[in-house]
N, C-alpha and C. Protein backbone atom coordinates (compact mmCIF):
# COMPACT_ATOMS: atom_id res chain seq x y z
N MET A 1 10.51 -22.63 2.13
CA MET A 1 10.33 -21.68 1.04
C MET A 1 9.28 -20.63 1.40
N LEU A 2 8.13 -21.06 1.87
CA LEU A 2 7.08 -20.10 2.21
C LEU A 2 7.52 -19.15 3.31
N LYS A 3 8.37 -19.63 4.20
CA LYS A 3 8.87 -18.78 5.28
C LYS A 3 9.64 -17.59 4.70
N ASP A 4 10.44 -17.85 3.68
CA ASP A 4 11.20 -16.77 3.04
C ASP A 4 10.26 -15.76 2.39
N HIS A 5 9.22 -16.25 1.77
CA HIS A 5 8.22 -15.36 1.17
C HIS A 5 7.50 -14.56 2.26
N ALA A 6 7.16 -15.24 3.35
CA ALA A 6 6.46 -14.57 4.46
C ALA A 6 7.34 -13.49 5.09
N ASN A 7 8.64 -13.71 5.17
CA ASN A 7 9.53 -12.70 5.74
C ASN A 7 9.55 -11.44 4.87
N VAL A 8 9.54 -11.61 3.56
CA VAL A 8 9.48 -10.46 2.66
C VAL A 8 8.14 -9.75 2.84
N MET A 9 7.08 -10.52 2.95
CA MET A 9 5.75 -9.93 3.16
C MET A 9 5.71 -9.18 4.49
N ALA A 10 6.41 -9.71 5.50
CA ALA A 10 6.46 -9.04 6.81
C ALA A 10 7.10 -7.67 6.70
N LEU A 11 8.10 -7.55 5.83
CA LEU A 11 8.72 -6.24 5.64
C LEU A 11 7.70 -5.25 5.10
N PHE A 12 6.91 -5.67 4.12
CA PHE A 12 5.87 -4.79 3.59
C PHE A 12 4.81 -4.47 4.64
N LEU A 13 4.45 -5.48 5.42
CA LEU A 13 3.46 -5.29 6.48
C LEU A 13 3.94 -4.22 7.46
N GLN A 14 5.21 -4.26 7.82
CA GLN A 14 5.74 -3.40 8.86
C GLN A 14 6.26 -2.06 8.33
N ALA A 15 6.64 -2.01 7.06
CA ALA A 15 7.16 -0.77 6.50
C ALA A 15 6.08 0.04 5.79
N GLY A 16 5.03 -0.62 5.36
CA GLY A 16 4.03 0.05 4.54
C GLY A 16 4.48 0.02 3.10
N GLU A 17 4.16 1.04 2.35
CA GLU A 17 4.53 1.10 0.94
C GLU A 17 6.03 1.36 0.78
N VAL A 18 6.65 0.61 -0.11
CA VAL A 18 8.07 0.82 -0.45
C VAL A 18 8.11 1.30 -1.89
N ILE A 19 8.75 2.43 -2.10
CA ILE A 19 8.81 3.02 -3.43
C ILE A 19 10.18 2.76 -4.04
N GLY A 20 10.21 1.92 -5.06
CA GLY A 20 11.43 1.66 -5.81
C GLY A 20 12.00 0.27 -5.58
N ARG A 21 12.38 -0.35 -6.68
CA ARG A 21 12.99 -1.68 -6.61
C ARG A 21 14.35 -1.62 -5.94
N LYS A 22 15.12 -0.60 -6.27
CA LYS A 22 16.45 -0.46 -5.67
C LYS A 22 16.32 -0.29 -4.17
N LYS A 23 15.39 0.53 -3.74
CA LYS A 23 15.19 0.76 -2.31
C LYS A 23 14.82 -0.54 -1.60
N LEU A 24 13.92 -1.31 -2.19
CA LEU A 24 13.52 -2.59 -1.60
C LEU A 24 14.73 -3.52 -1.46
N GLN A 25 15.53 -3.62 -2.51
CA GLN A 25 16.73 -4.45 -2.46
C GLN A 25 17.63 -4.03 -1.29
N LYS A 26 17.84 -2.74 -1.15
CA LYS A 26 18.75 -2.24 -0.11
C LYS A 26 18.16 -2.43 1.28
N MET A 27 16.85 -2.21 1.43
CA MET A 27 16.21 -2.38 2.73
C MET A 27 16.39 -3.82 3.23
N ILE A 28 16.15 -4.78 2.36
CA ILE A 28 16.25 -6.17 2.79
C ILE A 28 17.70 -6.57 3.00
N TYR A 29 18.60 -6.07 2.18
CA TYR A 29 20.03 -6.37 2.39
C TYR A 29 20.49 -5.84 3.75
N ILE A 30 20.15 -4.60 4.05
CA ILE A 30 20.57 -4.01 5.33
C ILE A 30 19.95 -4.78 6.49
N ALA A 31 18.67 -5.11 6.39
CA ALA A 31 18.01 -5.88 7.45
C ALA A 31 18.70 -7.24 7.62
N LYS A 32 19.06 -7.86 6.53
CA LYS A 32 19.77 -9.15 6.60
C LYS A 32 21.11 -8.99 7.30
N LYS A 33 21.84 -7.93 6.97
CA LYS A 33 23.14 -7.69 7.61
C LYS A 33 22.98 -7.39 9.10
N LEU A 34 21.79 -6.99 9.52
CA LEU A 34 21.52 -6.72 10.93
C LEU A 34 20.84 -7.92 11.59
N ASP A 35 21.03 -9.09 10.99
CA ASP A 35 20.57 -10.37 11.54
C ASP A 35 19.07 -10.59 11.51
N MET A 36 18.37 -9.90 10.63
CA MET A 36 16.97 -10.22 10.40
C MET A 36 16.95 -11.48 9.52
N PRO A 37 15.91 -12.30 9.63
CA PRO A 37 15.93 -13.63 8.98
C PRO A 37 15.59 -13.61 7.48
N PHE A 38 16.47 -13.01 6.70
CA PHE A 38 16.32 -13.05 5.26
C PHE A 38 17.38 -13.98 4.70
N SER A 39 17.01 -14.81 3.74
CA SER A 39 17.92 -15.84 3.23
C SER A 39 18.49 -15.52 1.85
N GLU A 40 18.04 -14.44 1.25
CA GLU A 40 18.45 -14.13 -0.12
C GLU A 40 19.97 -13.91 -0.20
N ARG A 41 20.56 -14.45 -1.27
CA ARG A 41 21.99 -14.24 -1.53
C ARG A 41 22.16 -12.97 -2.36
N TYR A 42 23.19 -12.23 -2.03
CA TYR A 42 23.47 -10.96 -2.70
C TYR A 42 24.85 -10.98 -3.34
N LYS A 43 24.95 -10.28 -4.46
CA LYS A 43 26.23 -10.02 -5.13
C LYS A 43 26.34 -8.51 -5.31
N PHE A 44 27.57 -8.04 -5.42
CA PHE A 44 27.74 -6.62 -5.65
C PHE A 44 27.43 -6.33 -7.11
N HIS A 45 26.62 -5.30 -7.32
CA HIS A 45 26.11 -4.97 -8.65
C HIS A 45 26.32 -3.47 -8.87
N MET A 46 25.88 -2.98 -9.98
CA MET A 46 26.07 -1.57 -10.34
C MET A 46 25.55 -0.62 -9.25
N PHE A 47 24.42 -0.94 -8.62
CA PHE A 47 23.85 -0.07 -7.60
C PHE A 47 24.09 -0.60 -6.19
N GLY A 48 25.13 -1.41 -6.02
CA GLY A 48 25.43 -1.98 -4.71
C GLY A 48 24.92 -3.40 -4.62
N PRO A 49 24.75 -3.92 -3.41
CA PRO A 49 24.29 -5.30 -3.24
C PRO A 49 22.94 -5.53 -3.93
N TYR A 50 22.88 -6.65 -4.66
CA TYR A 50 21.67 -6.99 -5.42
C TYR A 50 21.42 -8.49 -5.30
N SER A 51 20.15 -8.86 -5.14
CA SER A 51 19.77 -10.26 -5.06
C SER A 51 18.78 -10.60 -6.16
N GLU A 52 19.21 -11.47 -7.05
CA GLU A 52 18.29 -11.96 -8.08
C GLU A 52 17.18 -12.79 -7.42
N GLU A 53 17.54 -13.52 -6.35
CA GLU A 53 16.54 -14.31 -5.62
C GLU A 53 15.41 -13.42 -5.10
N LEU A 54 15.77 -12.27 -4.56
CA LEU A 54 14.75 -11.35 -4.04
C LEU A 54 13.87 -10.84 -5.17
N SER A 55 14.46 -10.49 -6.28
CA SER A 55 13.66 -10.03 -7.42
C SER A 55 12.65 -11.09 -7.84
N LEU A 56 13.09 -12.34 -7.91
CA LEU A 56 12.18 -13.43 -8.28
C LEU A 56 11.11 -13.65 -7.22
N ARG A 57 11.50 -13.56 -5.95
CA ARG A 57 10.54 -13.77 -4.85
C ARG A 57 9.45 -12.69 -4.88
N VAL A 58 9.85 -11.45 -5.10
CA VAL A 58 8.87 -10.35 -5.16
C VAL A 58 7.96 -10.55 -6.37
N GLU A 59 8.52 -10.97 -7.49
CA GLU A 59 7.71 -11.24 -8.68
C GLU A 59 6.69 -12.35 -8.38
N GLU A 60 7.12 -13.40 -7.70
CA GLU A 60 6.20 -14.48 -7.32
C GLU A 60 5.09 -13.96 -6.41
N LEU A 61 5.46 -13.15 -5.43
CA LEU A 61 4.46 -12.60 -4.50
C LEU A 61 3.45 -11.72 -5.23
N CYS A 62 3.93 -10.97 -6.22
CA CYS A 62 3.02 -10.14 -7.02
C CYS A 62 2.10 -11.03 -7.86
N ASN A 63 2.67 -12.07 -8.47
CA ASN A 63 1.87 -12.99 -9.30
C ASN A 63 0.82 -13.72 -8.47
N LEU A 64 1.13 -14.01 -7.22
CA LEU A 64 0.19 -14.68 -6.32
C LEU A 64 -0.87 -13.71 -5.78
N GLY A 65 -0.63 -12.42 -5.98
CA GLY A 65 -1.57 -11.42 -5.49
C GLY A 65 -1.35 -11.03 -4.03
N PHE A 66 -0.22 -11.45 -3.44
CA PHE A 66 0.06 -11.14 -2.04
C PHE A 66 0.73 -9.78 -1.86
N VAL A 67 1.38 -9.32 -2.90
CA VAL A 67 2.02 -7.99 -2.90
C VAL A 67 1.48 -7.24 -4.10
N ALA A 68 1.08 -6.00 -3.87
CA ALA A 68 0.58 -5.15 -4.95
C ALA A 68 1.74 -4.33 -5.50
N GLU A 69 1.92 -4.40 -6.81
CA GLU A 69 2.95 -3.62 -7.48
C GLU A 69 2.27 -2.64 -8.42
N THR A 70 2.63 -1.37 -8.30
CA THR A 70 2.16 -0.38 -9.26
C THR A 70 3.37 0.22 -9.95
N LYS A 71 3.17 0.53 -11.22
CA LYS A 71 4.26 1.03 -12.05
C LYS A 71 3.87 2.41 -12.56
N GLU A 72 4.71 3.39 -12.27
CA GLU A 72 4.44 4.76 -12.70
C GLU A 72 5.45 5.17 -13.77
N ASP A 73 4.96 5.74 -14.83
CA ASP A 73 5.83 6.25 -15.89
C ASP A 73 6.32 7.63 -15.48
N LYS A 74 7.61 7.75 -15.28
CA LYS A 74 8.21 9.02 -14.87
C LYS A 74 8.89 9.72 -16.04
N GLY A 75 8.51 9.35 -17.25
CA GLY A 75 9.09 9.99 -18.44
C GLY A 75 10.24 9.17 -19.00
N ASN A 76 11.40 9.25 -18.34
CA ASN A 76 12.57 8.51 -18.84
C ASN A 76 12.84 7.23 -18.05
N TYR A 77 11.99 6.91 -17.08
CA TYR A 77 12.12 5.66 -16.33
C TYR A 77 10.77 5.31 -15.69
N TYR A 78 10.68 4.09 -15.21
CA TYR A 78 9.50 3.65 -14.48
C TYR A 78 9.83 3.53 -13.01
N GLN A 79 8.91 3.94 -12.17
CA GLN A 79 9.08 3.79 -10.73
C GLN A 79 8.04 2.78 -10.24
N TYR A 80 8.51 1.82 -9.45
CA TYR A 80 7.64 0.77 -8.94
C TYR A 80 7.34 1.03 -7.47
N ARG A 81 6.10 0.75 -7.10
CA ARG A 81 5.66 0.87 -5.70
C ARG A 81 5.14 -0.49 -5.27
N TYR A 82 5.49 -0.86 -4.05
CA TYR A 82 5.08 -2.16 -3.52
C TYR A 82 4.43 -1.99 -2.17
N MET A 83 3.39 -2.80 -1.95
CA MET A 83 2.79 -2.87 -0.62
C MET A 83 2.07 -4.21 -0.48
N LEU A 84 1.91 -4.63 0.76
CA LEU A 84 1.20 -5.87 1.03
C LEU A 84 -0.25 -5.69 0.62
N SER A 85 -0.77 -6.65 -0.11
CA SER A 85 -2.18 -6.59 -0.54
C SER A 85 -3.07 -7.14 0.57
N GLU A 86 -4.36 -6.98 0.39
CA GLU A 86 -5.32 -7.55 1.34
C GLU A 86 -5.19 -9.07 1.38
N ALA A 87 -4.98 -9.68 0.20
CA ALA A 87 -4.80 -11.14 0.13
C ALA A 87 -3.53 -11.56 0.88
N GLY A 88 -2.49 -10.75 0.76
CA GLY A 88 -1.24 -11.03 1.48
C GLY A 88 -1.44 -10.95 2.98
N GLN A 89 -2.20 -9.95 3.41
CA GLN A 89 -2.50 -9.80 4.84
C GLN A 89 -3.29 -11.01 5.35
N LYS A 90 -4.28 -11.42 4.58
CA LYS A 90 -5.09 -12.58 4.97
C LYS A 90 -4.23 -13.85 5.02
N PHE A 91 -3.33 -14.00 4.08
CA PHE A 91 -2.44 -15.16 4.06
C PHE A 91 -1.58 -15.19 5.32
N LEU A 92 -0.98 -14.05 5.68
CA LEU A 92 -0.16 -13.99 6.88
C LEU A 92 -0.99 -14.29 8.13
N ASP A 93 -2.20 -13.74 8.18
CA ASP A 93 -3.09 -13.98 9.33
C ASP A 93 -3.50 -15.45 9.43
N LEU A 94 -3.81 -16.05 8.30
CA LEU A 94 -4.29 -17.42 8.25
C LEU A 94 -3.24 -18.41 8.75
N TYR A 95 -2.02 -18.23 8.31
CA TYR A 95 -0.97 -19.20 8.63
C TYR A 95 -0.17 -18.81 9.87
N GLN A 96 -0.38 -17.64 10.38
CA GLN A 96 0.26 -17.17 11.61
C GLN A 96 1.75 -17.51 11.64
N PHE A 97 2.46 -17.04 10.65
CA PHE A 97 3.90 -17.23 10.61
C PHE A 97 4.53 -16.50 11.79
N ASP A 98 5.63 -17.03 12.26
CA ASP A 98 6.42 -16.35 13.28
C ASP A 98 7.28 -15.32 12.54
N LEU A 99 6.72 -14.14 12.36
CA LEU A 99 7.39 -13.12 11.55
C LEU A 99 8.38 -12.33 12.37
N PRO A 100 9.45 -11.89 11.72
CA PRO A 100 10.42 -11.08 12.45
C PRO A 100 9.79 -9.74 12.85
N GLN A 101 10.03 -9.33 14.07
CA GLN A 101 9.54 -8.03 14.53
C GLN A 101 10.57 -6.98 14.16
N MET A 102 10.31 -6.31 13.08
CA MET A 102 11.27 -5.33 12.58
C MET A 102 10.58 -4.04 12.17
N GLU A 103 9.44 -3.74 12.80
CA GLU A 103 8.65 -2.59 12.39
C GLU A 103 9.45 -1.29 12.44
N GLU A 104 10.10 -1.04 13.57
CA GLU A 104 10.86 0.21 13.70
C GLU A 104 12.03 0.25 12.71
N LEU A 105 12.71 -0.89 12.55
CA LEU A 105 13.81 -0.97 11.59
C LEU A 105 13.29 -0.73 10.17
N ALA A 106 12.21 -1.41 9.81
CA ALA A 106 11.63 -1.28 8.46
C ALA A 106 11.21 0.16 8.20
N GLN A 107 10.62 0.80 9.19
CA GLN A 107 10.17 2.18 9.01
C GLN A 107 11.36 3.13 8.88
N GLN A 108 12.38 2.92 9.70
CA GLN A 108 13.56 3.79 9.59
C GLN A 108 14.25 3.64 8.24
N LEU A 109 14.35 2.42 7.75
CA LEU A 109 14.94 2.20 6.43
C LEU A 109 14.08 2.83 5.34
N ASN A 110 12.78 2.67 5.45
CA ASN A 110 11.87 3.18 4.43
C ASN A 110 11.85 4.71 4.37
N GLU A 111 12.20 5.36 5.47
CA GLU A 111 12.23 6.83 5.51
C GLU A 111 13.43 7.40 4.75
N GLN A 112 14.43 6.57 4.48
CA GLN A 112 15.65 7.04 3.82
C GLN A 112 15.49 7.02 2.30
N SER A 113 16.31 7.80 1.63
CA SER A 113 16.31 7.79 0.16
C SER A 113 17.01 6.54 -0.34
N SER A 114 16.68 6.12 -1.55
CA SER A 114 17.36 4.95 -2.11
C SER A 114 18.85 5.25 -2.32
N ARG A 115 19.19 6.49 -2.60
CA ARG A 115 20.60 6.87 -2.76
C ARG A 115 21.37 6.64 -1.46
N PHE A 116 20.78 7.06 -0.34
CA PHE A 116 21.44 6.88 0.96
C PHE A 116 21.51 5.39 1.31
N LEU A 117 20.45 4.64 1.05
CA LEU A 117 20.46 3.20 1.34
C LEU A 117 21.47 2.47 0.45
N GLU A 118 21.68 2.97 -0.75
CA GLU A 118 22.71 2.40 -1.62
C GLU A 118 24.08 2.56 -0.97
N LEU A 119 24.33 3.73 -0.41
CA LEU A 119 25.60 3.98 0.29
C LEU A 119 25.72 3.08 1.51
N VAL A 120 24.69 3.05 2.35
CA VAL A 120 24.72 2.25 3.58
C VAL A 120 24.93 0.77 3.26
N SER A 121 24.23 0.26 2.26
CA SER A 121 24.39 -1.15 1.91
C SER A 121 25.79 -1.43 1.37
N THR A 122 26.36 -0.47 0.67
CA THR A 122 27.73 -0.63 0.17
C THR A 122 28.72 -0.64 1.33
N LEU A 123 28.52 0.24 2.31
CA LEU A 123 29.39 0.24 3.50
C LEU A 123 29.31 -1.11 4.21
N LEU A 124 28.10 -1.65 4.32
CA LEU A 124 27.93 -2.95 4.99
C LEU A 124 28.51 -4.10 4.17
N TYR A 125 28.43 -3.99 2.86
CA TYR A 125 28.94 -5.05 1.99
C TYR A 125 30.45 -5.22 2.18
N PHE A 126 31.13 -4.10 2.38
CA PHE A 126 32.59 -4.13 2.53
C PHE A 126 33.04 -3.95 3.98
N GLU A 127 32.15 -4.20 4.94
CA GLU A 127 32.44 -3.87 6.33
C GLU A 127 33.62 -4.63 6.93
N GLU A 128 34.03 -5.75 6.33
CA GLU A 128 35.17 -6.48 6.88
C GLU A 128 36.50 -5.79 6.57
N LEU A 129 36.47 -4.82 5.68
CA LEU A 129 37.68 -4.07 5.32
C LEU A 129 37.87 -2.89 6.28
N PRO A 130 39.10 -2.39 6.39
CA PRO A 130 39.31 -1.17 7.18
C PRO A 130 38.52 -0.01 6.57
N ARG A 131 38.10 0.92 7.42
CA ARG A 131 37.26 2.03 6.94
C ARG A 131 37.90 2.81 5.81
N ALA A 132 39.18 3.02 5.85
CA ALA A 132 39.85 3.76 4.78
C ALA A 132 39.69 3.04 3.44
N ASP A 133 39.78 1.72 3.46
CA ASP A 133 39.61 0.93 2.23
C ASP A 133 38.15 0.98 1.76
N VAL A 134 37.22 0.97 2.70
CA VAL A 134 35.80 1.05 2.35
C VAL A 134 35.54 2.40 1.68
N LYS A 135 36.06 3.47 2.24
CA LYS A 135 35.89 4.81 1.65
C LYS A 135 36.42 4.82 0.22
N GLU A 136 37.60 4.24 0.04
CA GLU A 136 38.20 4.20 -1.30
C GLU A 136 37.31 3.42 -2.27
N LYS A 137 36.73 2.32 -1.80
CA LYS A 137 35.81 1.54 -2.65
C LYS A 137 34.59 2.39 -3.02
N VAL A 138 34.04 3.11 -2.03
CA VAL A 138 32.87 3.95 -2.30
C VAL A 138 33.23 5.02 -3.34
N PHE A 139 34.36 5.69 -3.14
CA PHE A 139 34.74 6.76 -4.07
C PHE A 139 35.04 6.22 -5.46
N THR A 140 35.50 4.97 -5.55
CA THR A 140 35.81 4.36 -6.85
C THR A 140 34.56 3.76 -7.50
N LEU A 141 33.89 2.88 -6.75
CA LEU A 141 32.76 2.15 -7.32
C LEU A 141 31.50 3.01 -7.47
N LYS A 142 31.39 4.02 -6.63
CA LYS A 142 30.20 4.87 -6.61
C LYS A 142 30.53 6.30 -7.05
N ARG A 143 31.50 6.43 -7.90
CA ARG A 143 31.96 7.74 -8.37
C ARG A 143 30.81 8.60 -8.91
N LYS A 144 29.93 7.99 -9.68
CA LYS A 144 28.83 8.74 -10.29
C LYS A 144 27.84 9.27 -9.26
N GLN A 145 27.76 8.61 -8.09
CA GLN A 145 26.85 9.06 -7.03
C GLN A 145 27.41 10.28 -6.31
N ASN A 146 28.71 10.51 -6.47
CA ASN A 146 29.34 11.70 -5.90
C ASN A 146 29.14 11.81 -4.38
N TYR A 147 29.34 10.69 -3.67
CA TYR A 147 29.23 10.70 -2.21
C TYR A 147 30.40 11.49 -1.62
N SER A 148 30.13 12.20 -0.56
CA SER A 148 31.17 12.98 0.13
C SER A 148 31.64 12.22 1.37
N GLU A 149 32.71 12.71 1.97
CA GLU A 149 33.20 12.15 3.24
C GLU A 149 32.09 12.25 4.29
N ASP A 150 31.37 13.37 4.28
CA ASP A 150 30.28 13.57 5.24
C ASP A 150 29.16 12.55 5.02
N ASP A 151 28.84 12.27 3.76
CA ASP A 151 27.83 11.25 3.45
C ASP A 151 28.23 9.90 4.04
N ILE A 152 29.50 9.55 3.87
CA ILE A 152 30.00 8.28 4.37
C ILE A 152 29.91 8.24 5.90
N GLU A 153 30.29 9.33 6.54
CA GLU A 153 30.21 9.39 8.00
C GLU A 153 28.75 9.26 8.46
N GLN A 154 27.85 9.93 7.76
CA GLN A 154 26.42 9.81 8.10
C GLN A 154 25.94 8.37 7.91
N GLY A 155 26.46 7.70 6.91
CA GLY A 155 26.12 6.29 6.69
C GLY A 155 26.55 5.43 7.86
N TYR A 156 27.77 5.64 8.33
CA TYR A 156 28.26 4.86 9.48
C TYR A 156 27.45 5.17 10.75
N VAL A 157 27.09 6.43 10.95
CA VAL A 157 26.28 6.82 12.11
C VAL A 157 24.91 6.13 12.04
N PHE A 158 24.33 6.09 10.84
CA PHE A 158 23.03 5.45 10.65
C PHE A 158 23.13 3.95 10.95
N ILE A 159 24.19 3.30 10.47
CA ILE A 159 24.39 1.87 10.72
C ILE A 159 24.47 1.62 12.23
N GLU A 160 25.23 2.45 12.93
CA GLU A 160 25.35 2.30 14.39
C GLU A 160 24.01 2.47 15.08
N SER A 161 23.22 3.44 14.63
CA SER A 161 21.91 3.66 15.25
C SER A 161 21.00 2.46 15.01
N LEU A 162 21.08 1.83 13.84
CA LEU A 162 20.28 0.64 13.56
C LEU A 162 20.73 -0.53 14.43
N ARG A 163 22.03 -0.67 14.60
CA ARG A 163 22.54 -1.76 15.46
C ARG A 163 22.10 -1.58 16.90
N LYS A 164 22.08 -0.35 17.38
CA LYS A 164 21.61 -0.08 18.74
C LYS A 164 20.12 -0.40 18.86
N LEU A 165 19.37 -0.06 17.84
CA LEU A 165 17.93 -0.37 17.81
C LEU A 165 17.71 -1.87 17.92
N ILE A 166 18.48 -2.64 17.17
CA ILE A 166 18.36 -4.11 17.18
C ILE A 166 18.75 -4.65 18.56
N GLU A 167 19.82 -4.12 19.13
CA GLU A 167 20.26 -4.56 20.46
C GLU A 167 19.19 -4.29 21.52
N MET A 168 18.60 -3.09 21.46
CA MET A 168 17.55 -2.73 22.41
C MET A 168 16.35 -3.69 22.26
N ARG A 169 16.05 -4.05 21.04
CA ARG A 169 14.94 -4.96 20.78
C ARG A 169 15.22 -6.34 21.36
N LYS A 170 16.48 -6.78 21.28
CA LYS A 170 16.85 -8.10 21.82
C LYS A 170 16.74 -8.13 23.34
N VAL A 171 17.04 -7.00 23.99
CA VAL A 171 16.99 -6.91 25.44
C VAL A 171 15.55 -6.98 25.95
N GLN A 172 14.62 -6.43 25.19
CA GLN A 172 13.22 -6.37 25.62
C GLN A 172 12.52 -7.69 25.60
């Protein structure tokens, strides 16, 4: 159990601040699909893959003081910001977990918008289907996001670049 918590903390350690709950969900889902050691189960939800387990784990980490959560009132919604706290850093240092080395992956994911990560995670969720069927799912399920053919192609290019990054890391 603690290993799963430590892996989430490692993402914060390596990515820095993550802005948005949706973005965090998508970052960990994508990392999991790229064989990073995350155990959370995901279901397809309104904004793409969603893990209730991850939401609970992050809440536990915040309650323990290992992850700092700040909530900003944006008028018609709240935006959440997450980062590893000093106590979280000390905990990771003290127990010397064998954390996944995903700094470059975490940073690349964190640089993207939550809208784009929603698309990428949706492409990965349906990746066993032919691309034409995946496109149809995106256009149907994500109609309100108004993704274009070009957006979808950029999503696939991004996925390939992440897979190459992971492969290069395995070779080293």
